[in-house]
Amino acid sequence: MISMPWIKEIRPKEATGLLKRQLDAAIQRAGRVWNIVQIMSINEMTLKDSIRFYQTLMMGDSPLSRSQREMLAVVVSTENQCYYWHQAHAHDLREEIQTEIPNPDQADAYVHALVKDWEKAPLSPADQALCRLAAKITHQHDQMSPGDLDELRAHGFDDHGIHDAVQVIAYFNYINRVAHALGVEPERFIRPWGQLE
């Protein structure tokens, strides 16, 4: 699907130099240029740095599992009512948890439950603590206290894990706002997961 954003974009066939290399790499990684990547084509350095930071946060070494990071992306995006990102990362979470929940129906039910209402989803106590942190940083970041981090430590997260969770949560608060502000639409092939009220 070609997105209908609210600002000018530079399509891959029009790109040159660094931008062309970035868009070609995006196609090589994912077989396509995702709409959120395309929206940043007007500033090739922002695109380059955003992709690099995203890859570090979501795919780099971390005490958090890939599925935990995808879960945080979904929860933040749902809390922000960012349809683009909560749909895209619900899709990615579904792909990640196939190894943990091999039954497709159970995996689908888990993702739907998380998108619909993470507080009622079948999460472990540790994952519930991560989601509470995500909701608090998203809505009440000015009310954070050391006690919020102590709850995570009580569930076995070390400072590295806490740091990485905060970085993922903060990143998705940022990128949700980019998608909202510039009119980024979901890709057509992404199946709808849950419903935002």
C-alpha atoms as a PDB file:
ATOM      1  CA  MET A   1       0.000   0.000   0.000  1.00  0.00           C
ATOM      2  CA  ILE A   2       1.263   3.470  -0.824  1.00  0.00           C
ATOM      3  CA  SER A   3       0.764   5.707   2.185  1.00  0.00           C
ATOM      4  CA  MET A   4      -0.900   9.097   1.838  1.00  0.00           C
ATOM      5  CA  PRO A   5       1.231  11.147   4.227  1.00  0.00           C
ATOM      6  CA  TRP A   6       0.829  14.816   5.012  1.00  0.00           C
ATOM      7  CA  ILE A   7       4.327  15.808   3.884  1.00  0.00           C
ATOM      8  CA  LYS A   8       6.447  15.188   0.808  1.00  0.00           C
ATOM      9  CA  GLU A   9       8.244  11.848   0.546  1.00  0.00           C
ATOM     10  CA  ILE A  10      11.062  10.754  -1.729  1.00  0.00           C
ATOM     11  CA  ARG A  11      10.304   7.356  -3.261  1.00  0.00           C
ATOM     12  CA  PRO A  12      13.059   4.760  -3.771  1.00  0.00           C
ATOM     13  CA  LYS A  13      13.107   5.264  -7.556  1.00  0.00           C
ATOM     14  CA  GLU A  14      13.755   8.997  -6.999  1.00  0.00           C
ATOM     15  CA  ALA A  15      16.397   8.589  -4.293  1.00  0.00           C
ATOM     16  CA  THR A  16      20.121   9.184  -4.734  1.00  0.00           C
ATOM     17  CA  GLY A  17      23.237   8.986  -2.563  1.00  0.00           C
ATOM     18  CA  LEU A  18      22.834   8.188   1.131  1.00  0.00           C
ATOM     19  CA  LEU A  19      19.054   8.124   0.916  1.00  0.00           C
ATOM     20  CA  LYS A  20      19.119   5.569  -1.893  1.00  0.00           C
ATOM     21  CA  ARG A  21      21.492   3.401   0.127  1.00  0.00           C
ATOM     22  CA  GLN A  22      19.204   3.629   3.164  1.00  0.00           C
ATOM     23  CA  LEU A  23      16.065   2.755   1.202  1.00  0.00           C
ATOM     24  CA  ASP A  24      17.840  -0.060  -0.664  1.00  0.00           C
ATOM     25  CA  ALA A  25      18.974  -1.463   2.698  1.00  0.00           C
ATOM     26  CA  ALA A  26      15.399  -1.242   3.989  1.00  0.00           C
ATOM     27  CA  ILE A  27      14.191  -3.251   0.990  1.00  0.00           C
ATOM     28  CA  GLN A  28      16.972  -5.796   1.509  1.00  0.00           C
ATOM     29  CA  ARG A  29      16.056  -6.181   5.222  1.00  0.00           C
ATOM     30  CA  ALA A  30      12.292  -6.364   4.922  1.00  0.00           C
ATOM     31  CA  GLY A  31      11.468  -6.754   1.251  1.00  0.00           C
ATOM     32  CA  ARG A  32       9.863  -3.304   1.264  1.00  0.00           C
ATOM     33  CA  VAL A  33      10.166   0.235   2.550  1.00  0.00           C
ATOM     34  CA  TRP A  34       7.823   0.482   5.526  1.00  0.00           C
ATOM     35  CA  ASN A  35       5.639   3.581   5.594  1.00  0.00           C
ATOM     36  CA  ILE A  36       7.326   4.918   8.756  1.00  0.00           C
ATOM     37  CA  VAL A  37      10.689   4.628   6.997  1.00  0.00           C
ATOM     38  CA  GLN A  38       9.332   6.295   3.846  1.00  0.00           C
ATOM     39  CA  ILE A  39       8.038   9.290   5.833  1.00  0.00           C
ATOM     40  CA  MET A  40      11.597  10.053   6.968  1.00  0.00           C
ATOM     41  CA  SER A  41      12.967  10.068   3.418  1.00  0.00           C
ATOM     42  CA  ILE A  42      12.899  13.850   3.333  1.00  0.00           C
ATOM     43  CA  ASN A  43      15.801  13.913   5.841  1.00  0.00           C
ATOM     44  CA  GLU A  44      18.287  11.160   5.069  1.00  0.00           C
ATOM     45  CA  MET A  45      20.354  11.648   8.248  1.00  0.00           C
ATOM     46  CA  THR A  46      17.282  11.398  10.469  1.00  0.00           C
ATOM     47  CA  LEU A  47      16.326   8.231   8.615  1.00  0.00           C
ATOM     48  CA  LYS A  48      19.804   6.743   8.962  1.00  0.00           C
ATOM     49  CA  ASP A  49      20.100   7.509  12.675  1.00  0.00           C
ATOM     50  CA  SER A  50      16.530   6.450  13.456  1.00  0.00           C
ATOM     51  CA  ILE A  51      16.978   3.059  11.799  1.00  0.00           C
ATOM     52  CA  ARG A  52      20.309   2.506  13.529  1.00  0.00           C
ATOM     53  CA  PHE A  53      18.848   3.374  16.937  1.00  0.00           C
ATOM     54  CA  TYR A  54      15.774   1.207  16.310  1.00  0.00           C
ATOM     55  CA  GLN A  55      17.951  -1.770  15.385  1.00  0.00           C
ATOM     56  CA  THR A  56      20.070  -1.323  18.502  1.00  0.00           C
ATOM     57  CA  LEU A  57      17.020  -1.089  20.771  1.00  0.00           C
ATOM     58  CA  MET A  58      14.927  -3.849  19.250  1.00  0.00           C
ATOM     59  CA  MET A  59      17.463  -6.299  17.857  1.00  0.00           C
ATOM     60  CA  GLY A  60      20.679  -5.672  19.763  1.00  0.00           C
ATOM     61  CA  ASP A  61      21.977  -7.582  22.778  1.00  0.00           C
ATOM     62  CA  SER A  62      19.790  -7.000  25.837  1.00  0.00           C
ATOM     63  CA  PRO A  63      18.651  -8.726  29.018  1.00  0.00           C
ATOM     64  CA  LEU A  64      15.143  -8.215  27.603  1.00  0.00           C
ATOM     65  CA  SER A  65      13.944 -10.807  25.131  1.00  0.00           C
ATOM     66  CA  ARG A  66      12.885  -9.777  21.647  1.00  0.00           C
ATOM     67  CA  SER A  67       9.295 -10.626  22.537  1.00  0.00           C
ATOM     68  CA  GLN A  68       9.451  -8.444  25.671  1.00  0.00           C
ATOM     69  CA  ARG A  69      10.671  -5.514  23.580  1.00  0.00           C
ATOM     70  CA  GLU A  70       7.900  -6.101  21.032  1.00  0.00           C
ATOM     71  CA  MET A  71       5.399  -6.330  23.897  1.00  0.00           C
ATOM     72  CA  LEU A  72       6.557  -2.920  25.155  1.00  0.00           C
ATOM     73  CA  ALA A  73       6.221  -1.476  21.647  1.00  0.00           C
ATOM     74  CA  VAL A  74       2.640  -2.742  21.471  1.00  0.00           C
ATOM     75  CA  VAL A  75       1.691  -1.501  24.935  1.00  0.00           C
ATOM     76  CA  VAL A  76       3.148   1.996  24.456  1.00  0.00           C
ATOM     77  CA  SER A  77       1.563   2.314  21.019  1.00  0.00           C
ATOM     78  CA  THR A  78      -1.804   1.118  22.298  1.00  0.00           C
ATOM     79  CA  GLU A  79      -1.639   3.490  25.271  1.00  0.00           C
ATOM     80  CA  ASN A  80      -0.948   6.310  22.796  1.00  0.00           C
ATOM     81  CA  GLN A  81      -3.754   5.122  20.505  1.00  0.00           C
ATOM     82  CA  CYS A  82      -1.210   4.965  17.702  1.00  0.00           C
ATOM     83  CA  TYR A  83      -2.877   2.600  15.268  1.00  0.00           C
ATOM     84  CA  TYR A  84       0.089   2.427  12.909  1.00  0.00           C
ATOM     85  CA  TRP A  85       2.604   1.259  15.518  1.00  0.00           C
ATOM     86  CA  HIS A  86       0.370  -0.943  17.624  1.00  0.00           C
ATOM     87  CA  GLN A  87      -0.701  -2.845  14.497  1.00  0.00           C
ATOM     88  CA  ALA A  88       2.830  -3.118  13.095  1.00  0.00           C
ATOM     89  CA  HIS A  89       4.324  -4.363  16.351  1.00  0.00           C
ATOM     90  CA  ALA A  90       1.451  -6.662  17.163  1.00  0.00           C
ATOM     91  CA  HIS A  91       2.357  -8.250  13.822  1.00  0.00           C
ATOM     92  CA  ASP A  92       6.038  -8.407  14.844  1.00  0.00           C
ATOM     93  CA  LEU A  93       5.184  -9.755  18.301  1.00  0.00           C
ATOM     94  CA  ARG A  94       3.134 -12.524  16.705  1.00  0.00           C
ATOM     95  CA  GLU A  95       6.187 -13.483  14.646  1.00  0.00           C
ATOM     96  CA  GLU A  96       8.469 -13.445  17.710  1.00  0.00           C
ATOM     97  CA  ILE A  97       6.303 -15.553  20.012  1.00  0.00           C
ATOM     98  CA  GLN A  98       5.850 -18.382  17.542  1.00  0.00           C
ATOM     99  CA  THR A  99       8.802 -20.108  19.207  1.00  0.00           C
ATOM    100  CA  GLU A 100       7.298 -19.557  22.686  1.00  0.00           C
ATOM    101  CA  ILE A 101       3.661 -20.287  21.801  1.00  0.00           C
ATOM    102  CA  PRO A 102       3.795 -22.677  18.844  1.00  0.00           C
ATOM    103  CA  ASN A 103       0.008 -23.124  18.728  1.00  0.00           C
ATOM    104  CA  PRO A 104      -1.179 -20.462  16.219  1.00  0.00           C
ATOM    105  CA  ASP A 105      -4.580 -20.011  17.877  1.00  0.00           C
ATOM    106  CA  GLN A 106      -3.012 -19.482  21.308  1.00  0.00           C
ATOM    107  CA  ALA A 107      -0.414 -17.091  19.885  1.00  0.00           C
ATOM    108  CA  ASP A 108      -3.146 -15.106  18.133  1.00  0.00           C
ATOM    109  CA  ALA A 109      -5.264 -15.007  21.301  1.00  0.00           C
ATOM    110  CA  TYR A 110      -2.262 -13.732  23.289  1.00  0.00           C
ATOM    111  CA  VAL A 111      -1.579 -10.886  20.842  1.00  0.00           C
ATOM    112  CA  HIS A 112      -5.254  -9.914  20.615  1.00  0.00           C
ATOM    113  CA  ALA A 113      -5.506  -9.861  24.423  1.00  0.00           C
ATOM    114  CA  LEU A 114      -2.389  -7.704  24.752  1.00  0.00           C
ATOM    115  CA  VAL A 115      -3.608  -5.184  22.183  1.00  0.00           C
ATOM    116  CA  LYS A 116      -7.116  -5.034  23.609  1.00  0.00           C
ATOM    117  CA  ASP A 117      -6.135  -4.612  27.276  1.00  0.00           C
ATOM    118  CA  TRP A 118      -2.669  -5.514  28.524  1.00  0.00           C
ATOM    119  CA  GLU A 119      -3.873  -5.384  32.150  1.00  0.00           C
ATOM    120  CA  LYS A 120      -6.151  -8.370  31.470  1.00  0.00           C
ATOM    121  CA  ALA A 121      -3.779 -10.227  29.141  1.00  0.00           C
ATOM    122  CA  PRO A 122      -2.189 -13.510  30.307  1.00  0.00           C
ATOM    123  CA  LEU A 123       1.196 -12.036  31.196  1.00  0.00           C
ATOM    124  CA  SER A 124       3.806 -13.219  33.655  1.00  0.00           C
ATOM    125  CA  PRO A 125       4.265 -11.026  36.753  1.00  0.00           C
ATOM    126  CA  ALA A 126       7.573  -9.775  35.300  1.00  0.00           C
ATOM    127  CA  ASP A 127       5.936  -8.790  32.017  1.00  0.00           C
ATOM    128  CA  GLN A 128       3.075  -7.127  33.892  1.00  0.00           C
ATOM    129  CA  ALA A 129       5.667  -5.028  35.729  1.00  0.00           C
ATOM    130  CA  LEU A 130       7.248  -4.020  32.414  1.00  0.00           C
ATOM    131  CA  CYS A 131       3.843  -3.018  31.046  1.00  0.00           C
ATOM    132  CA  ARG A 132       3.042  -0.963  34.154  1.00  0.00           C
ATOM    133  CA  LEU A 133       6.328   0.866  33.649  1.00  0.00           C
ATOM    134  CA  ALA A 134       5.423   1.487  30.006  1.00  0.00           C
ATOM    135  CA  ALA A 135       2.027   2.920  30.928  1.00  0.00           C
ATOM    136  CA  LYS A 136       3.444   5.128  33.663  1.00  0.00           C
ATOM    137  CA  ILE A 137       6.236   6.562  31.518  1.00  0.00           C
ATOM    138  CA  THR A 138       3.735   7.160  28.720  1.00  0.00           C
ATOM    139  CA  HIS A 139       1.129   8.946  30.858  1.00  0.00           C
ATOM    140  CA  GLN A 140       2.837  10.016  34.089  1.00  0.00           C
ATOM    141  CA  HIS A 141       6.546  10.324  33.335  1.00  0.00           C
ATOM    142  CA  ASP A 142       6.814  13.274  35.735  1.00  0.00           C
ATOM    143  CA  GLN A 143       5.661  11.058  38.605  1.00  0.00           C
ATOM    144  CA  MET A 144       8.359   8.416  38.271  1.00  0.00           C
ATOM    145  CA  SER A 145      10.200   7.477  41.455  1.00  0.00           C
ATOM    146  CA  PRO A 146      12.880   4.977  42.517  1.00  0.00           C
ATOM    147  CA  GLY A 147      10.078   2.700  43.710  1.00  0.00           C
ATOM    148  CA  ASP A 148       8.955   2.161  40.122  1.00  0.00           C
ATOM    149  CA  LEU A 149      12.334   0.659  39.341  1.00  0.00           C
ATOM    150  CA  ASP A 150      12.399  -1.333  42.586  1.00  0.00           C
ATOM    151  CA  GLU A 151       9.310  -3.206  41.362  1.00  0.00           C
ATOM    152  CA  LEU A 152      11.223  -4.310  38.294  1.00  0.00           C
ATOM    153  CA  ARG A 153      14.202  -5.372  40.394  1.00  0.00           C
ATOM    154  CA  ALA A 154      11.848  -7.476  42.525  1.00  0.00           C
ATOM    155  CA  HIS A 155      10.926  -9.339  39.342  1.00  0.00           C
ATOM    156  CA  GLY A 156      14.555 -10.073  38.482  1.00  0.00           C
ATOM    157  CA  PHE A 157      15.431  -7.189  36.161  1.00  0.00           C
ATOM    158  CA  ASP A 158      18.922  -5.769  36.620  1.00  0.00           C
ATOM    159  CA  ASP A 159      19.883  -2.169  35.855  1.00  0.00           C
ATOM    160  CA  HIS A 160      20.797  -3.066  32.285  1.00  0.00           C
ATOM    161  CA  GLY A 161      17.366  -4.548  31.702  1.00  0.00           C
ATOM    162  CA  ILE A 162      15.664  -1.561  33.331  1.00  0.00           C
ATOM    163  CA  HIS A 163      17.702   0.834  31.194  1.00  0.00           C
ATOM    164  CA  ASP A 164      16.798  -1.042  28.001  1.00  0.00           C
ATOM    165  CA  ALA A 165      13.108  -1.139  28.927  1.00  0.00           C
ATOM    166  CA  VAL A 166      13.071   2.619  29.508  1.00  0.00           C
ATOM    167  CA  GLN A 167      14.849   3.232  26.193  1.00  0.00           C
ATOM    168  CA  VAL A 168      12.323   1.095  24.270  1.00  0.00           C
ATOM    169  CA  ILE A 169       9.393   2.795  26.009  1.00  0.00           C
ATOM    170  CA  ALA A 170      10.792   6.271  25.346  1.00  0.00           C
ATOM    171  CA  TYR A 171      11.556   5.450  21.718  1.00  0.00           C
ATOM    172  CA  PHE A 172       8.022   4.295  20.988  1.00  0.00           C
ATOM    173  CA  ASN A 173       6.562   7.371  22.645  1.00  0.00           C
ATOM    174  CA  TYR A 174       8.712   9.403  20.257  1.00  0.00           C
ATOM    175  CA  ILE A 175       8.024   7.413  17.093  1.00  0.00           C
ATOM    176  CA  ASN A 176       4.276   7.170  17.826  1.00  0.00           C
ATOM    177  CA  ARG A 177       4.186  10.949  17.734  1.00  0.00           C
ATOM    178  CA  VAL A 178       6.063  11.029  14.427  1.00  0.00           C
ATOM    179  CA  ALA A 179       3.480   8.683  12.903  1.00  0.00           C
ATOM    180  CA  HIS A 180       0.546  10.655  14.325  1.00  0.00           C
ATOM    181  CA  ALA A 181       1.901  14.058  13.332  1.00  0.00           C
ATOM    182  CA  LEU A 182       2.808  13.174   9.730  1.00  0.00           C
ATOM    183  CA  GLY A 183      -0.137  10.965   8.740  1.00  0.00           C
ATOM    184  CA  VAL A 184       1.588   7.581   8.492  1.00  0.00           C
ATOM    185  CA  GLU A 185      -0.898   4.846   7.552  1.00  0.00           C
ATOM    186  CA  PRO A 186      -0.612   1.101   8.275  1.00  0.00           C
ATOM    187  CA  GLU A 187       0.532  -1.221   5.530  1.00  0.00           C
ATOM    188  CA  ARG A 188      -2.368  -3.061   3.942  1.00  0.00           C
ATOM    189  CA  PHE A 189      -0.903  -6.525   4.603  1.00  0.00           C
ATOM    190  CA  ILE A 190      -0.865  -5.988   8.388  1.00  0.00           C
ATOM    191  CA  ARG A 191      -3.813  -7.850   9.867  1.00  0.00           C
ATOM    192  CA  PRO A 192      -5.876  -5.928  12.419  1.00  0.00           C
ATOM    193  CA  TRP A 193      -5.127  -6.919  16.011  1.00  0.00           C
ATOM    194  CA  GLY A 194      -7.669  -5.998  18.664  1.00  0.00           C
ATOM    195  CA  GLN A 195      -9.427  -2.681  18.482  1.00  0.00           C
ATOM    196  CA  LEU A 196      -8.572   0.662  19.940  1.00  0.00           C
ATOM    197  CA  GLU A 197     -11.542   2.110  21.767  1.00  0.00           C
END
